[in-house]
Structures are given as structure tokens and as C-alpha cells.
Amino acid sequence: MCWWAFTGLTHVILEGYFVFSPEFYKDYLAEVCDSRYAARDAVEGVTAAFEGPASLLAVYAIASGKSYSYILQFSDSLGQLYGTAVYFLTAYLEGDHFAASSYHYYVYYIGANASWVVPSFIAIRCLNKICSAVLVQGQKKTKSH
């Protein structure tokens, strides 16, 4: 639940600010950390508008034991993994020459993005829970016939 609160607030506050007011990114992050932030990014807009609120909804769903909790976590995790893949693959394809220094490359690009491996573990856990529930439901139907 802590992960969903963290990622939801990160997407809504930081990326939301970037999408609607990119001056901070243009003035600081683009020059010091990652020059790709100089332009608005469609992936950032999607994560700010959809994944952030979905992550905060996951907090509510987990806390209140809602039936859609696992499918919501699974789908949001896949979206986060897609965004992470796009972020790193575009950097790789562009040659990874966008950071102002090695320090900024490792601290901001590698370090700040290292936490995005968490959705992989959440997706696997949720997929196992969903598959188990489907299996149990299938066994109930078989026994009742």
C-alpha cells in the first residue's frame, strides 16, 4: 500500500506539475539531469493523468478490501513498466548522452529510477492471486455440475 501511495503522489504531483507547468523541468532538470525533459513528453502526461490517480485508487481498494484491487494493481503495474521501458529504451537509443555529468547520470537517471522495478514484483504477485482466484472459481463450477 505504501508503494501505491508513493507512486500515486509522485505521478500526480511531480509529473502533473511537469505536464501542466514544464518550467521547472526546463530550468533545472533539463539542464542539469536529463535534457529530454526540455520538451513535454506524452508518456509523462499519461502517467500523470491515469496512473497517478489509479495508484491512489489502489490505496483505497487495498485498504477497503475491494474485489478489483488485484486487477487494478496489475494493470497499473503494467502501465508503470511500460513507461519505465519507454524511458530507458529511448535513452539507450539516443545514446545516453543527456546528463550534465556522471554524478547526475547515476543519481538522477539510475538512482531515482531504480525504484521502478517494484511494479514487476507487484505484477507477478497480482497475476498469481488472479490466477488462483480463477482456478478456485473454476473448481467450484466443476463441483457444482
Protein backbone atom coordinates (compact mmCIF):
# COMPACT_ATOMS: atom_id res chain seq x y z
CA MET A 1 0.00 0.00 0.00
CA CYS A 2 2.92 2.34 0.69
CA TRP A 3 4.21 1.82 -2.85
CA TRP A 4 0.88 2.87 -4.31
CA ALA A 5 0.72 5.99 -2.17
CA PHE A 6 4.31 6.89 -3.13
CA THR A 7 3.86 6.28 -6.84
CA GLY A 8 0.44 7.91 -6.94
CA LEU A 9 1.67 11.09 -5.32
CA THR A 10 4.81 11.07 -7.47
CA HIS A 11 2.78 10.81 -10.67
CA VAL A 12 0.13 13.30 -9.65
CA ILE A 13 2.36 15.93 -8.05
CA LEU A 14 5.72 15.76 -9.84
CA GLU A 15 4.63 14.58 -13.27
CA GLY A 16 1.40 16.54 -13.07
CA TYR A 17 3.42 19.68 -12.42
CA PHE A 18 5.66 18.81 -15.37
CA VAL A 19 2.73 18.29 -17.72
CA PHE A 20 0.91 21.47 -16.77
CA SER A 21 3.89 23.70 -15.94
CA PRO A 22 7.16 22.49 -17.53
CA GLU A 23 9.27 25.50 -16.46
CA PHE A 24 10.78 23.62 -13.50
CA TYR A 25 11.92 20.81 -15.76
CA LYS A 26 13.17 23.16 -18.46
CA ASP A 27 15.09 25.31 -16.00
CA TYR A 28 16.56 22.67 -13.72
CA LEU A 29 16.15 19.03 -14.65
CA ALA A 30 16.61 19.54 -18.38
CA GLU A 31 19.88 21.42 -17.94
CA VAL A 32 21.35 19.51 -15.02
CA CYS A 33 19.93 15.99 -15.08
CA ASP A 34 18.15 14.87 -18.22
CA SER A 35 17.86 17.08 -21.30
CA ARG A 36 14.92 15.01 -22.55
CA TYR A 37 12.70 16.86 -20.05
CA ALA A 38 13.07 20.03 -22.09
CA ALA A 39 10.05 19.04 -24.14
CA ARG A 40 6.71 17.76 -22.92
CA ASP A 41 6.50 14.01 -23.02
CA ALA A 42 3.29 12.15 -23.85
CA VAL A 43 4.25 9.30 -21.51
CA GLU A 44 4.51 11.77 -18.63
CA GLY A 45 1.05 13.09 -19.45
CA VAL A 46 -0.48 9.61 -19.45
CA THR A 47 1.15 8.67 -16.16
CA ALA A 48 0.12 11.93 -14.52
CA ALA A 49 -3.47 11.72 -15.74
CA PHE A 50 -4.16 7.98 -15.41
CA GLU A 51 -1.52 6.05 -13.47
CA GLY A 52 -1.28 8.54 -10.61
CA PRO A 53 -4.99 8.52 -9.82
CA ALA A 54 -5.15 4.74 -10.41
CA SER A 55 -2.34 4.27 -7.88
CA LEU A 56 -4.20 6.34 -5.32
CA LEU A 57 -7.36 4.34 -6.08
CA ALA A 58 -5.29 1.19 -5.41
CA VAL A 59 -4.53 2.50 -1.91
CA TYR A 60 -8.25 2.83 -1.29
CA ALA A 61 -9.02 -0.56 -2.86
CA ILE A 62 -6.41 -2.36 -0.77
CA ALA A 63 -7.40 -0.62 2.46
CA SER A 64 -11.11 -1.36 1.99
CA GLY A 65 -10.66 -4.89 0.56
CA LYS A 66 -12.31 -4.17 -2.79
CA SER A 67 -12.65 -7.06 -5.25
CA TYR A 68 -10.97 -5.10 -8.05
CA SER A 69 -7.82 -4.50 -6.01
CA TYR A 70 -5.58 -7.05 -7.73
CA ILE A 71 -6.65 -6.31 -11.29
CA LEU A 72 -6.17 -2.59 -10.64
CA GLN A 73 -2.70 -3.17 -9.19
CA PHE A 74 -1.81 -5.49 -12.08
CA SER A 75 -2.93 -3.08 -14.79
CA ASP A 76 -1.29 -0.09 -13.12
CA SER A 77 1.94 -2.05 -12.70
CA LEU A 78 1.94 -2.93 -16.40
CA GLY A 79 1.46 0.74 -17.23
CA GLN A 80 4.35 1.71 -15.00
CA LEU A 81 6.57 -0.98 -16.50
CA TYR A 82 5.69 0.27 -19.98
CA GLY A 83 6.57 3.85 -19.01
CA THR A 84 9.85 2.70 -17.49
CA ALA A 85 10.71 0.67 -20.58
CA VAL A 86 9.98 3.63 -22.85
CA TYR A 87 12.07 5.92 -20.63
CA PHE A 88 15.13 3.68 -20.61
CA LEU A 89 14.86 2.43 -24.20
CA THR A 90 14.58 5.93 -25.65
CA ALA A 91 17.61 6.93 -23.61
CA TYR A 92 19.52 3.92 -24.88
CA LEU A 93 18.52 4.56 -28.50
CA GLU A 94 19.53 8.20 -28.19
CA GLY A 95 22.95 7.21 -26.86
CA ASP A 96 22.57 8.07 -23.16
CA HIS A 97 24.22 11.47 -23.73
CA PHE A 98 21.76 13.70 -21.96
CA ALA A 99 23.06 14.09 -18.39
CA ALA A 100 25.20 17.06 -17.46
CA SER A 101 27.71 14.90 -15.56
CA SER A 102 28.36 11.35 -14.42
CA TYR A 103 27.10 12.26 -10.97
CA HIS A 104 23.74 13.45 -12.33
CA TYR A 105 23.52 10.42 -14.59
CA TYR A 106 23.89 7.93 -11.75
CA VAL A 107 21.98 9.86 -9.09
CA TYR A 108 19.01 11.05 -11.15
CA TYR A 109 18.80 8.68 -14.11
CA ILE A 110 19.84 5.41 -12.45
CA GLY A 111 19.20 6.03 -8.73
CA ALA A 112 15.92 7.91 -8.94
CA ASN A 113 14.52 5.39 -11.41
CA ALA A 114 15.72 2.24 -9.65
CA SER A 115 12.53 2.04 -7.60
CA TRP A 116 10.51 1.39 -10.74
CA VAL A 117 11.43 -2.31 -10.56
CA VAL A 118 8.86 -2.64 -7.76
CA PRO A 119 5.93 -2.88 -10.23
CA SER A 120 7.49 -6.07 -11.63
CA PHE A 121 7.13 -7.80 -8.28
CA ILE A 122 3.65 -6.40 -7.72
CA ALA A 123 2.53 -7.52 -11.19
CA ILE A 124 3.78 -11.07 -10.57
CA ARG A 125 2.10 -11.23 -7.15
CA CYS A 126 -1.19 -9.91 -8.53
CA LEU A 127 -1.12 -12.25 -11.52
CA ASN A 128 -0.64 -15.19 -9.14
CA LYS A 129 -3.57 -14.01 -6.98
CA ILE A 130 -5.82 -13.52 -10.02
CA CYS A 131 -4.89 -16.93 -11.49
CA SER A 132 -5.52 -18.61 -8.12
CA ALA A 133 -8.94 -16.98 -7.86
CA VAL A 134 -9.86 -18.06 -11.39
CA LEU A 135 -8.69 -21.60 -10.64
CA VAL A 136 -10.76 -21.76 -7.44
CA GLN A 137 -13.80 -20.39 -9.26
CA GLY A 138 -13.34 -22.99 -11.99
CA GLN A 139 -13.13 -25.76 -9.41
CA LYS A 140 -16.34 -24.54 -7.74
CA LYS A 141 -18.18 -24.64 -11.07
CA THR A 142 -16.88 -28.15 -11.82
CA LYS A 143 -18.02 -29.48 -8.42
CA SER A 144 -21.48 -27.94 -8.72
CA HIS A 145 -22.20 -29.60 -12.09
